[in-house]
Amino acid sequence: MSDLRITEAFLYMDYLRMSECIQISFAVCRIGIYTAGLLCSTSIQPLGTYILLASPVISRISRKFKCFRALCCKGPPPARPEYDLVCIGLTGSGKTSLLSKLCSESPNSVVSTTGFSIKAVPFQNAILNVKELGGADNIRKYWSRYYQGSQGVIFVLDSASSEDDLETARNELHSALQHPQLCTLPFLILANHQDKPAARSVQEIRD
């Protein structure tokens, strides 16, 4: 069967489904008008008799209408709010591995970021658009160009790094905390690589 005939067949099926929905809507309207006529009738029988006869019909119509409205009038789920974050830290601190883990990506495909990358990290009630910046010496001086629009900061440091690298990380963290575009934002500081033998405790890093 050609693509044109397949398309025509699908359009015809959609037309049949639409026609069926329209027919159901008109049927509901006709039943409602007929019931109203019963309630407003001036026949020989007392009005209370018609009301008693019409009550089960009204109840069934109400249930069918609620079901019809639930099926046909249900809107899309509310959109989750999105927040823009920036993730910084020295090379090898584990920024890329952290974001890959949060995105349920394979750890085997992790490659150190040389410039910057953006990942959407989904949570149940929100989506975090995380902009990861490379931590090499020749890239850190350009970090501030990517701060604009950020709503939060993730700073990742290697708790098992050398004293020199740890001191460099401290300086970069203090510089970020004092930056005009970041100083009022919430900071999340992660002491990564706690599973390594040379890892420092949070208290040691703080001191």
N, C-alpha and C. Protein backbone atom coordinates (compact mmCIF):
# COMPACT_ATOMS: atom_id res chain seq x y z
N MET A 1 0.85 -1.19 0.00
CA MET A 1 0.00 0.00 0.00
C MET A 1 0.89 1.24 0.00
N SER A 2 0.56 2.19 -0.85
CA SER A 2 1.39 3.39 -0.96
C SER A 2 1.25 4.27 0.27
N ASP A 3 2.23 5.19 0.41
CA ASP A 3 2.19 6.12 1.56
C ASP A 3 0.94 6.98 1.53
N LEU A 4 0.50 7.39 0.32
CA LEU A 4 -0.68 8.25 0.21
C LEU A 4 -1.91 7.53 0.70
N ARG A 5 -2.07 6.25 0.35
CA ARG A 5 -3.25 5.50 0.77
C ARG A 5 -3.21 5.23 2.28
N ILE A 6 -2.01 5.00 2.81
CA ILE A 6 -1.90 4.82 4.26
C ILE A 6 -2.31 6.09 4.99
N THR A 7 -1.84 7.24 4.48
CA THR A 7 -2.21 8.52 5.08
C THR A 7 -3.72 8.74 5.02
N GLU A 8 -4.33 8.42 3.86
CA GLU A 8 -5.78 8.57 3.72
C GLU A 8 -6.51 7.66 4.69
N ALA A 9 -5.99 6.46 4.92
CA ALA A 9 -6.64 5.53 5.84
C ALA A 9 -6.60 6.05 7.27
N PHE A 10 -5.46 6.61 7.68
CA PHE A 10 -5.36 7.16 9.02
C PHE A 10 -6.28 8.37 9.19
N LEU A 11 -6.34 9.23 8.17
CA LEU A 11 -7.22 10.39 8.24
C LEU A 11 -8.68 9.95 8.36
N TYR A 12 -9.04 8.90 7.63
CA TYR A 12 -10.42 8.40 7.69
C TYR A 12 -10.73 7.83 9.08
N MET A 13 -9.76 7.14 9.69
CA MET A 13 -9.96 6.61 11.04
C MET A 13 -10.12 7.74 12.05
N ASP A 14 -9.30 8.80 11.91
CA ASP A 14 -9.44 9.96 12.80
C ASP A 14 -10.80 10.61 12.61
N TYR A 15 -11.29 10.67 11.36
CA TYR A 15 -12.60 11.26 11.09
C TYR A 15 -13.70 10.44 11.77
N LEU A 16 -13.59 9.11 11.72
CA LEU A 16 -14.60 8.25 12.36
C LEU A 16 -14.61 8.46 13.87
N ARG A 17 -13.40 8.54 14.48
CA ARG A 17 -13.36 8.76 15.93
C ARG A 17 -13.93 10.11 16.31
N MET A 18 -13.64 11.15 15.51
CA MET A 18 -14.18 12.47 15.79
C MET A 18 -15.70 12.46 15.64
N SER A 19 -16.19 11.80 14.62
CA SER A 19 -17.64 11.74 14.39
C SER A 19 -18.32 11.03 15.55
N GLU A 20 -17.68 9.97 16.07
CA GLU A 20 -18.27 9.24 17.19
C GLU A 20 -18.36 10.12 18.43
N CYS A 21 -17.30 10.89 18.70
CA CYS A 21 -17.33 11.79 19.85
C CYS A 21 -18.42 12.85 19.70
N ILE A 22 -18.57 13.39 18.49
CA ILE A 22 -19.61 14.40 18.26
C ILE A 22 -20.99 13.80 18.45
N GLN A 23 -21.20 12.57 17.97
CA GLN A 23 -22.49 11.91 18.14
C GLN A 23 -22.80 11.68 19.61
N ILE A 24 -21.79 11.29 20.39
CA ILE A 24 -22.01 11.10 21.83
C ILE A 24 -22.41 12.41 22.49
N SER A 25 -21.72 13.49 22.10
CA SER A 25 -22.04 14.80 22.67
C SER A 25 -23.48 15.20 22.37
N PHE A 26 -23.91 15.04 21.09
CA PHE A 26 -25.29 15.38 20.73
C PHE A 26 -26.29 14.49 21.46
N ALA A 27 -25.95 13.20 21.64
CA ALA A 27 -26.85 12.30 22.34
C ALA A 27 -27.04 12.73 23.79
N VAL A 28 -25.94 13.14 24.43
CA VAL A 28 -26.03 13.62 25.81
C VAL A 28 -26.90 14.85 25.89
N CYS A 29 -26.71 15.76 24.92
CA CYS A 29 -27.53 16.99 24.91
C CYS A 29 -29.01 16.66 24.71
N ARG A 30 -29.32 15.73 23.80
CA ARG A 30 -30.72 15.37 23.55
C ARG A 30 -31.36 14.74 24.78
N ILE A 31 -30.60 13.86 25.46
CA ILE A 31 -31.14 13.24 26.67
C ILE A 31 -31.40 14.29 27.73
N GLY A 32 -30.47 15.27 27.85
CA GLY A 32 -30.67 16.33 28.83
C GLY A 32 -31.89 17.17 28.53
N ILE A 33 -32.11 17.50 27.23
CA ILE A 33 -33.29 18.28 26.85
C ILE A 33 -34.56 17.49 27.10
N TYR A 34 -34.53 16.19 26.78
CA TYR A 34 -35.71 15.34 26.99
C TYR A 34 -36.03 15.24 28.47
N THR A 35 -35.01 15.11 29.31
CA THR A 35 -35.24 15.03 30.75
C THR A 35 -35.81 16.34 31.29
N ALA A 36 -35.28 17.46 30.78
CA ALA A 36 -35.82 18.75 31.21
C ALA A 36 -37.27 18.87 30.80
N GLY A 37 -37.61 18.35 29.61
CA GLY A 37 -39.00 18.37 29.17
C GLY A 37 -39.89 17.56 30.08
N LEU A 38 -39.38 16.43 30.56
CA LEU A 38 -40.16 15.63 31.49
C LEU A 38 -40.41 16.39 32.79
N LEU A 39 -39.39 17.06 33.25
CA LEU A 39 -39.51 17.78 34.52
C LEU A 39 -40.46 18.96 34.40
N CYS A 40 -40.55 19.53 33.21
CA CYS A 40 -41.38 20.71 33.03
C CYS A 40 -42.75 20.36 32.44
N SER A 41 -43.03 19.09 32.24
CA SER A 41 -44.28 18.67 31.60
C SER A 41 -45.47 18.98 32.49
N THR A 42 -46.62 19.20 31.85
CA THR A 42 -47.88 19.48 32.57
C THR A 42 -48.89 18.39 32.24
N SER A 43 -48.46 17.13 32.33
CA SER A 43 -49.33 16.00 32.03
C SER A 43 -50.33 15.80 33.15
N ILE A 44 -51.20 14.79 32.97
CA ILE A 44 -52.23 14.53 33.98
C ILE A 44 -51.59 14.01 35.25
N GLN A 45 -50.46 13.24 35.12
CA GLN A 45 -49.84 12.70 36.31
C GLN A 45 -49.18 13.81 37.12
N PRO A 46 -49.09 13.62 38.44
CA PRO A 46 -48.46 14.64 39.29
C PRO A 46 -46.99 14.83 38.90
N LEU A 47 -46.49 16.05 39.14
CA LEU A 47 -45.12 16.39 38.79
C LEU A 47 -44.13 15.52 39.56
N GLY A 48 -44.48 15.17 40.80
CA GLY A 48 -43.60 14.34 41.61
C GLY A 48 -43.33 13.00 40.98
N THR A 49 -44.31 12.46 40.23
CA THR A 49 -44.12 11.17 39.56
C THR A 49 -43.03 11.28 38.52
N TYR A 50 -43.06 12.38 37.72
CA TYR A 50 -42.04 12.58 36.69
C TYR A 50 -40.67 12.76 37.31
N ILE A 51 -40.63 13.46 38.42
CA ILE A 51 -39.35 13.67 39.08
C ILE A 51 -38.76 12.34 39.55
N LEU A 52 -39.62 11.46 40.13
CA LEU A 52 -39.16 10.16 40.56
C LEU A 52 -38.68 9.31 39.39
N LEU A 53 -39.38 9.41 38.24
CA LEU A 53 -38.99 8.65 37.06
C LEU A 53 -37.69 9.18 36.45
N ALA A 54 -37.53 10.49 36.52
CA ALA A 54 -36.38 11.10 35.87
C ALA A 54 -35.11 11.03 36.70
N SER A 55 -35.25 10.84 38.01
CA SER A 55 -34.07 10.86 38.88
C SER A 55 -33.03 9.82 38.49
N PRO A 56 -33.41 8.54 38.25
CA PRO A 56 -32.37 7.58 37.82
C PRO A 56 -31.73 7.96 36.49
N VAL A 57 -32.55 8.54 35.58
CA VAL A 57 -32.01 8.95 34.29
C VAL A 57 -30.99 10.06 34.48
N ILE A 58 -31.31 11.02 35.32
CA ILE A 58 -30.39 12.13 35.60
C ILE A 58 -29.09 11.60 36.21
N SER A 59 -29.23 10.64 37.12
CA SER A 59 -28.04 10.09 37.77
C SER A 59 -27.13 9.40 36.75
N ARG A 60 -27.73 8.62 35.83
CA ARG A 60 -26.93 7.94 34.82
C ARG A 60 -26.28 8.93 33.87
N ILE A 61 -27.04 9.98 33.50
CA ILE A 61 -26.49 11.01 32.61
C ILE A 61 -25.31 11.71 33.27
N SER A 62 -25.45 12.00 34.56
CA SER A 62 -24.38 12.68 35.28
C SER A 62 -23.11 11.84 35.31
N ARG A 63 -23.28 10.53 35.58
CA ARG A 63 -22.11 9.66 35.62
C ARG A 63 -21.44 9.56 34.25
N LYS A 64 -22.25 9.43 33.19
CA LYS A 64 -21.70 9.32 31.84
C LYS A 64 -21.01 10.62 31.42
N PHE A 65 -21.62 11.76 31.82
CA PHE A 65 -21.02 13.04 31.46
C PHE A 65 -19.68 13.24 32.16
N LYS A 66 -19.61 12.83 33.45
CA LYS A 66 -18.33 12.95 34.17
C LYS A 66 -17.27 12.08 33.53
N CYS A 67 -17.65 10.86 33.13
CA CYS A 67 -16.70 9.97 32.47
C CYS A 67 -16.26 10.55 31.12
N PHE A 68 -17.23 11.10 30.37
CA PHE A 68 -16.92 11.70 29.06
C PHE A 68 -15.98 12.89 29.22
N ARG A 69 -16.26 13.72 30.23
CA ARG A 69 -15.42 14.89 30.47
C ARG A 69 -14.02 14.50 30.91
N ALA A 70 -13.91 13.43 31.74
CA ALA A 70 -12.60 12.98 32.19
C ALA A 70 -11.75 12.46 31.04
N LEU A 71 -12.42 11.81 30.05
CA LEU A 71 -11.69 11.25 28.92
C LEU A 71 -11.32 12.30 27.88
N CYS A 72 -12.25 13.22 27.63
CA CYS A 72 -12.08 14.16 26.51
C CYS A 72 -11.56 15.53 26.93
N CYS A 73 -11.69 15.88 28.20
CA CYS A 73 -11.35 17.24 28.62
C CYS A 73 -10.14 17.27 29.56
N LYS A 74 -9.45 16.15 29.68
CA LYS A 74 -8.29 16.12 30.56
C LYS A 74 -7.11 16.81 29.89
N GLY A 75 -6.57 17.82 30.54
CA GLY A 75 -5.47 18.58 29.98
C GLY A 75 -4.13 17.92 30.24
N PRO A 76 -3.07 18.46 29.69
CA PRO A 76 -1.72 17.91 29.90
C PRO A 76 -1.28 18.12 31.34
N PRO A 77 -0.36 17.29 31.84
CA PRO A 77 0.13 17.47 33.21
C PRO A 77 0.87 18.80 33.34
N PRO A 78 0.84 19.41 34.53
CA PRO A 78 1.52 20.69 34.70
C PRO A 78 3.01 20.57 34.48
N ALA A 79 3.58 21.59 33.87
CA ALA A 79 5.02 21.57 33.56
C ALA A 79 5.84 21.72 34.83
N ARG A 80 6.93 20.97 34.90
CA ARG A 80 7.81 21.09 36.06
C ARG A 80 8.67 22.34 35.93
N PRO A 81 8.87 23.06 37.02
CA PRO A 81 9.72 24.26 36.94
C PRO A 81 11.16 23.89 36.61
N GLU A 82 11.84 24.78 35.90
CA GLU A 82 13.23 24.56 35.51
C GLU A 82 14.12 25.63 36.16
N TYR A 83 15.31 25.20 36.59
CA TYR A 83 16.26 26.09 37.23
C TYR A 83 17.62 25.93 36.54
N ASP A 84 18.30 27.05 36.36
CA ASP A 84 19.61 27.07 35.69
C ASP A 84 20.72 27.13 36.74
N LEU A 85 21.58 26.13 36.73
CA LEU A 85 22.69 26.07 37.67
C LEU A 85 24.01 26.04 36.90
N VAL A 86 25.07 26.45 37.59
CA VAL A 86 26.41 26.37 37.02
C VAL A 86 27.24 25.46 37.92
N CYS A 87 27.99 24.54 37.30
CA CYS A 87 28.81 23.58 38.04
C CYS A 87 30.28 23.84 37.72
N ILE A 88 31.06 24.14 38.76
CA ILE A 88 32.47 24.49 38.57
C ILE A 88 33.34 23.66 39.50
N GLY A 89 34.62 23.62 39.20
CA GLY A 89 35.59 22.85 39.98
C GLY A 89 36.81 22.55 39.13
N LEU A 90 37.89 22.15 39.77
CA LEU A 90 39.12 21.87 39.03
C LEU A 90 38.95 20.61 38.18
N THR A 91 39.83 20.47 37.21
CA THR A 91 39.84 19.27 36.37
C THR A 91 40.10 18.04 37.23
N GLY A 92 39.33 16.99 37.01
CA GLY A 92 39.49 15.76 37.76
C GLY A 92 38.73 15.72 39.07
N SER A 93 37.97 16.76 39.38
CA SER A 93 37.22 16.76 40.65
C SER A 93 36.00 15.85 40.59
N GLY A 94 35.52 15.54 39.38
CA GLY A 94 34.39 14.62 39.26
C GLY A 94 33.09 15.28 38.85
N LYS A 95 33.15 16.46 38.25
CA LYS A 95 31.92 17.16 37.84
C LYS A 95 31.15 16.37 36.79
N THR A 96 31.85 15.92 35.76
CA THR A 96 31.19 15.19 34.67
C THR A 96 30.61 13.87 35.16
N SER A 97 31.36 13.16 36.00
CA SER A 97 30.87 11.89 36.54
C SER A 97 29.63 12.09 37.39
N LEU A 98 29.61 13.17 38.17
CA LEU A 98 28.46 13.47 39.01
C LEU A 98 27.20 13.70 38.17
N LEU A 99 27.31 14.54 37.15
CA LEU A 99 26.15 14.84 36.32
C LEU A 99 25.71 13.62 35.51
N SER A 100 26.66 12.83 35.05
CA SER A 100 26.31 11.61 34.31
C SER A 100 25.56 10.64 35.21
N LYS A 101 25.97 10.55 36.46
CA LYS A 101 25.28 9.67 37.41
C LYS A 101 23.86 10.16 37.66
N LEU A 102 23.68 11.46 37.81
CA LEU A 102 22.35 12.02 38.04
C LEU A 102 21.44 11.84 36.83
N CYS A 103 22.03 11.80 35.64
CA CYS A 103 21.27 11.61 34.41
C CYS A 103 21.15 10.14 34.01
N SER A 104 21.62 9.24 34.88
CA SER A 104 21.55 7.79 34.63
C SER A 104 22.28 7.39 33.35
N GLU A 105 23.40 8.04 33.10
CA GLU A 105 24.22 7.70 31.94
C GLU A 105 25.30 6.70 32.32
N SER A 106 25.82 6.00 31.34
CA SER A 106 26.85 5.01 31.59
C SER A 106 28.15 5.68 32.03
N PRO A 107 28.78 5.21 33.10
CA PRO A 107 30.04 5.82 33.54
C PRO A 107 31.19 5.56 32.57
N ASN A 108 31.03 4.59 31.69
CA ASN A 108 32.10 4.26 30.75
C ASN A 108 32.26 5.32 29.66
N SER A 109 31.23 6.14 29.46
CA SER A 109 31.28 7.14 28.40
C SER A 109 31.68 8.52 28.91
N VAL A 110 32.11 8.60 30.16
CA VAL A 110 32.47 9.90 30.74
C VAL A 110 33.80 10.38 30.18
N VAL A 111 33.80 11.60 29.66
CA VAL A 111 35.00 12.25 29.14
C VAL A 111 35.12 13.61 29.80
N SER A 112 36.31 13.95 30.23
CA SER A 112 36.53 15.22 30.91
C SER A 112 36.13 16.39 30.01
N THR A 113 35.43 17.36 30.59
CA THR A 113 34.94 18.51 29.83
C THR A 113 36.09 19.50 29.59
N THR A 114 36.28 19.85 28.35
CA THR A 114 37.35 20.79 28.00
C THR A 114 36.85 22.22 27.88
N GLY A 115 35.61 22.42 27.54
CA GLY A 115 35.04 23.76 27.44
C GLY A 115 33.88 23.89 28.41
N PHE A 116 32.68 23.67 27.92
CA PHE A 116 31.52 23.62 28.80
C PHE A 116 30.48 22.71 28.16
N SER A 117 29.60 22.19 28.98
CA SER A 117 28.51 21.35 28.50
C SER A 117 27.28 21.63 29.36
N ILE A 118 26.11 21.31 28.83
CA ILE A 118 24.86 21.54 29.53
C ILE A 118 24.08 20.23 29.59
N LYS A 119 23.64 19.88 30.77
CA LYS A 119 22.83 18.68 30.97
C LYS A 119 21.54 19.05 31.70
N ALA A 120 20.45 18.44 31.28
CA ALA A 120 19.16 18.60 31.96
C ALA A 120 19.01 17.43 32.94
N VAL A 121 19.02 17.74 34.22
CA VAL A 121 18.91 16.72 35.26
C VAL A 121 17.46 16.69 35.76
N PRO A 122 16.72 15.63 35.46
CA PRO A 122 15.30 15.60 35.84
C PRO A 122 15.11 15.09 37.26
N PHE A 123 14.23 15.76 37.99
CA PHE A 123 13.77 15.30 39.29
C PHE A 123 12.24 15.24 39.24
N GLN A 124 11.64 14.70 40.28
CA GLN A 124 10.20 14.52 40.27
C GLN A 124 9.45 15.84 40.20
N ASN A 125 9.96 16.86 40.88
CA ASN A 125 9.24 18.14 40.96
C ASN A 125 9.93 19.28 40.23
N ALA A 126 11.06 19.03 39.59
CA ALA A 126 11.78 20.11 38.92
C ALA A 126 12.79 19.53 37.94
N ILE A 127 13.28 20.39 37.08
CA ILE A 127 14.34 20.04 36.13
C ILE A 127 15.49 21.03 36.33
N LEU A 128 16.69 20.51 36.53
CA LEU A 128 17.86 21.36 36.72
C LEU A 128 18.67 21.37 35.43
N ASN A 129 18.80 22.54 34.83
CA ASN A 129 19.65 22.71 33.65
C ASN A 129 21.03 23.13 34.14
N VAL A 130 21.94 22.15 34.18
CA VAL A 130 23.25 22.38 34.79
C VAL A 130 24.27 22.65 33.69
N LYS A 131 24.94 23.80 33.81
CA LYS A 131 26.00 24.19 32.88
C LYS A 131 27.34 23.87 33.54
N GLU A 132 28.00 22.83 33.02
CA GLU A 132 29.29 22.42 33.59
C GLU A 132 30.42 23.12 32.85
N LEU A 133 31.32 23.74 33.62
CA LEU A 133 32.46 24.46 33.04
C LEU A 133 33.74 23.67 33.29
N GLY A 134 34.57 23.56 32.26
CA GLY A 134 35.84 22.86 32.40
C GLY A 134 36.73 23.51 33.44
N GLY A 135 37.57 22.69 34.10
CA GLY A 135 38.38 23.20 35.20
C GLY A 135 39.85 23.33 34.92
N ALA A 136 40.25 23.30 33.65
CA ALA A 136 41.67 23.43 33.32
C ALA A 136 42.15 24.87 33.59
N ASP A 137 43.47 25.02 33.72
CA ASP A 137 44.04 26.33 34.04
C ASP A 137 43.68 27.39 32.99
N ASN A 138 43.68 27.00 31.73
CA ASN A 138 43.43 27.98 30.67
C ASN A 138 41.95 28.24 30.44
N ILE A 139 41.07 27.56 31.19
CA ILE A 139 39.61 27.75 31.04
C ILE A 139 39.02 28.48 32.24
N ARG A 140 39.62 28.29 33.41
CA ARG A 140 39.03 28.87 34.63
C ARG A 140 38.91 30.39 34.55
N LYS A 141 39.81 31.04 33.83
CA LYS A 141 39.75 32.50 33.74
C LYS A 141 38.53 32.99 32.95
N TYR A 142 37.87 32.08 32.25
CA TYR A 142 36.68 32.44 31.47
C TYR A 142 35.38 32.02 32.17
N TRP A 143 35.49 31.47 33.36
CA TRP A 143 34.29 31.02 34.06
C TRP A 143 33.24 32.12 34.19
N SER A 144 33.68 33.30 34.55
CA SER A 144 32.74 34.39 34.84
C SER A 144 31.87 34.76 33.64
N ARG A 145 32.30 34.42 32.44
CA ARG A 145 31.50 34.73 31.25
C ARG A 145 30.24 33.87 31.16
N TYR A 146 30.21 32.79 31.93
CA TYR A 146 29.08 31.87 31.87
C TYR A 146 28.22 31.92 33.13
N TYR A 147 28.46 32.89 34.00
CA TYR A 147 27.71 32.99 35.25
C TYR A 147 26.33 33.61 35.06
N GLN A 148 26.16 34.43 34.05
CA GLN A 148 24.92 35.18 33.89
C GLN A 148 23.72 34.24 33.76
N GLY A 149 22.66 34.57 34.49
CA GLY A 149 21.42 33.79 34.43
C GLY A 149 21.39 32.61 35.36
N SER A 150 22.48 32.37 36.09
CA SER A 150 22.51 31.21 37.00
C SER A 150 21.63 31.48 38.22
N GLN A 151 21.00 30.40 38.71
CA GLN A 151 20.15 30.49 39.90
C GLN A 151 20.72 29.71 41.08
N GLY A 152 21.87 29.10 40.87
CA GLY A 152 22.52 28.33 41.92
C GLY A 152 23.87 27.85 41.43
N VAL A 153 24.74 27.45 42.36
CA VAL A 153 26.11 27.04 42.03
C VAL A 153 26.41 25.69 42.68
N ILE A 154 27.01 24.79 41.90
CA ILE A 154 27.54 23.53 42.42
C ILE A 154 29.06 23.59 42.29
N PHE A 155 29.75 23.54 43.41
CA PHE A 155 31.22 23.54 43.39
C PHE A 155 31.69 22.16 43.83
N VAL A 156 32.43 21.49 42.94
CA VAL A 156 32.92 20.14 43.21
C VAL A 156 34.43 20.18 43.41
N LEU A 157 34.91 19.59 44.50
CA LEU A 157 36.35 19.52 44.74
C LEU A 157 36.75 18.07 45.04
N ASP A 158 38.00 17.78 44.74
CA ASP A 158 38.54 16.44 44.96
C ASP A 158 39.10 16.38 46.37
N SER A 159 38.44 15.61 47.25
CA SER A 159 38.88 15.56 48.65
C SER A 159 40.17 14.78 48.82
N ALA A 160 40.59 14.07 47.78
CA ALA A 160 41.84 13.31 47.85
C ALA A 160 42.96 13.96 47.04
N SER A 161 42.81 15.19 46.65
CA SER A 161 43.81 15.87 45.83
C SER A 161 45.00 16.30 46.68
N SER A 162 46.01 16.78 46.00
CA SER A 162 47.20 17.26 46.71
C SER A 162 46.90 18.57 47.43
N GLU A 163 47.82 18.97 48.32
CA GLU A 163 47.62 20.22 49.06
C GLU A 163 47.59 21.42 48.11
N ASP A 164 48.43 21.39 47.08
CA ASP A 164 48.46 22.50 46.13
C ASP A 164 47.12 22.61 45.38
N ASP A 165 46.60 21.47 44.91
CA ASP A 165 45.32 21.50 44.20
C ASP A 165 44.18 21.90 45.12
N LEU A 166 44.24 21.46 46.36
CA LEU A 166 43.20 21.83 47.31
C LEU A 166 43.23 23.33 47.60
N GLU A 167 44.44 23.89 47.69
CA GLU A 167 44.56 25.33 47.90
C GLU A 167 44.05 26.10 46.69
N THR A 168 44.33 25.60 45.49
CA THR A 168 43.81 26.23 44.27
C THR A 168 42.28 26.18 44.25
N ALA A 169 41.72 25.05 44.66
CA ALA A 169 40.26 24.92 44.71
C ALA A 169 39.66 25.90 45.71
N ARG A 170 40.32 26.08 46.85
CA ARG A 170 39.83 27.05 47.84
C ARG A 170 39.81 28.46 47.25
N ASN A 171 40.88 28.82 46.56
CA ASN A 171 40.94 30.16 45.96
C ASN A 171 39.84 30.36 44.93
N GLU A 172 39.62 29.35 44.11
CA GLU A 172 38.57 29.45 43.10
C GLU A 172 37.19 29.54 43.75
N LEU A 173 36.99 28.80 44.83
CA LEU A 173 35.71 28.85 45.55
C LEU A 173 35.48 30.23 46.15
N HIS A 174 36.49 30.79 46.81
CA HIS A 174 36.36 32.13 47.39
C HIS A 174 36.10 33.18 46.31
N SER A 175 36.75 33.01 45.16
CA SER A 175 36.53 33.95 44.06
C SER A 175 35.08 33.87 43.56
N ALA A 176 34.54 32.66 43.49
CA ALA A 176 33.15 32.50 43.04
C ALA A 176 32.18 33.06 44.07
N LEU A 177 32.47 32.85 45.36
CA LEU A 177 31.58 33.35 46.42
C LEU A 177 31.52 34.87 46.42
N GLN A 178 32.57 35.53 45.98
CA GLN A 178 32.63 36.99 45.99
C GLN A 178 32.21 37.60 44.66
N HIS A 179 31.94 36.78 43.65
CA HIS A 179 31.59 37.33 42.35
C HIS A 179 30.20 37.98 42.41
N PRO A 180 30.01 39.17 41.81
CA PRO A 180 28.72 39.88 41.91
C PRO A 180 27.53 39.07 41.39
N GLN A 181 27.74 38.21 40.40
CA GLN A 181 26.62 37.45 39.83
C GLN A 181 26.32 36.16 40.60
N LEU A 182 27.21 35.82 41.55
CA LEU A 182 27.01 34.57 42.29
C LEU A 182 26.88 34.77 43.80
N CYS A 183 27.29 35.90 44.30
CA CYS A 183 27.39 36.08 45.75
C CYS A 183 26.06 35.95 46.48
N THR A 184 24.94 36.16 45.79
CA THR A 184 23.62 36.06 46.43
C THR A 184 22.93 34.72 46.15
N LEU A 185 23.61 33.82 45.45
CA LEU A 185 22.99 32.55 45.05
C LEU A 185 23.32 31.45 46.05
N PRO A 186 22.49 30.42 46.12
CA PRO A 186 22.81 29.26 46.98
C PRO A 186 23.97 28.45 46.38
N PHE A 187 24.87 28.00 47.25
CA PHE A 187 26.03 27.21 46.85
C PHE A 187 25.89 25.80 47.41
N LEU A 188 26.19 24.81 46.58
CA LEU A 188 26.31 23.43 47.03
C LEU A 188 27.76 23.01 46.81
N ILE A 189 28.49 22.73 47.90
CA ILE A 189 29.91 22.36 47.83
C ILE A 189 30.02 20.86 48.10
N LEU A 190 30.51 20.12 47.12
CA LEU A 190 30.61 18.67 47.22
C LEU A 190 32.08 18.26 47.36
N ALA A 191 32.41 17.56 48.46
CA ALA A 191 33.74 16.99 48.65
C ALA A 191 33.73 15.60 48.03
N ASN A 192 34.13 15.52 46.78
CA ASN A 192 34.03 14.28 46.02
C ASN A 192 35.18 13.32 46.33
N HIS A 193 35.07 12.10 45.83
CA HIS A 193 36.09 11.05 45.96
C HIS A 193 36.32 10.67 47.43
N GLN A 194 35.27 10.60 48.20
CA GLN A 194 35.39 10.19 49.60
C GLN A 194 35.73 8.71 49.73
N ASP A 195 35.61 7.95 48.64
CA ASP A 195 35.93 6.53 48.69
C ASP A 195 37.42 6.25 48.54
N LYS A 196 38.21 7.26 48.26
CA LYS A 196 39.65 7.06 48.10
C LYS A 196 40.34 7.04 49.46
N PRO A 197 41.43 6.28 49.60
CA PRO A 197 42.14 6.20 50.91
C PRO A 197 42.66 7.55 51.39
N ALA A 198 43.07 8.42 50.47
CA ALA A 198 43.66 9.70 50.86
C ALA A 198 42.62 10.80 51.02
N ALA A 199 41.35 10.44 50.99
CA ALA A 199 40.29 11.46 51.07
C ALA A 199 40.29 12.14 52.43
N ARG A 200 40.10 13.45 52.41
CA ARG A 200 40.00 14.23 53.64
C ARG A 200 38.54 14.31 54.09
N SER A 201 38.35 14.45 55.36
CA SER A 201 37.01 14.62 55.87
C SER A 201 36.51 16.04 55.60
N VAL A 202 35.22 16.23 55.77
CA VAL A 202 34.65 17.56 55.56
C VAL A 202 35.27 18.57 56.51
N GLN A 203 35.51 18.16 57.75
CA GLN A 203 36.10 19.05 58.73
C GLN A 203 37.51 19.44 58.34
N GLU A 204 38.30 18.50 57.82
CA GLU A 204 39.67 18.79 57.37
C GLU A 204 39.68 19.75 56.20
N ILE A 205 38.74 19.57 55.29
CA ILE A 205 38.66 20.48 54.14
C ILE A 205 38.23 21.87 54.59
N ARG A 206 37.31 21.91 55.54
CA ARG A 206 36.83 23.21 56.04
C ARG A 206 37.93 23.97 56.74
N ASP A 207 38.77 23.26 57.45
CA ASP A 207 39.86 23.93 58.18
C ASP A 207 40.96 24.36 57.23
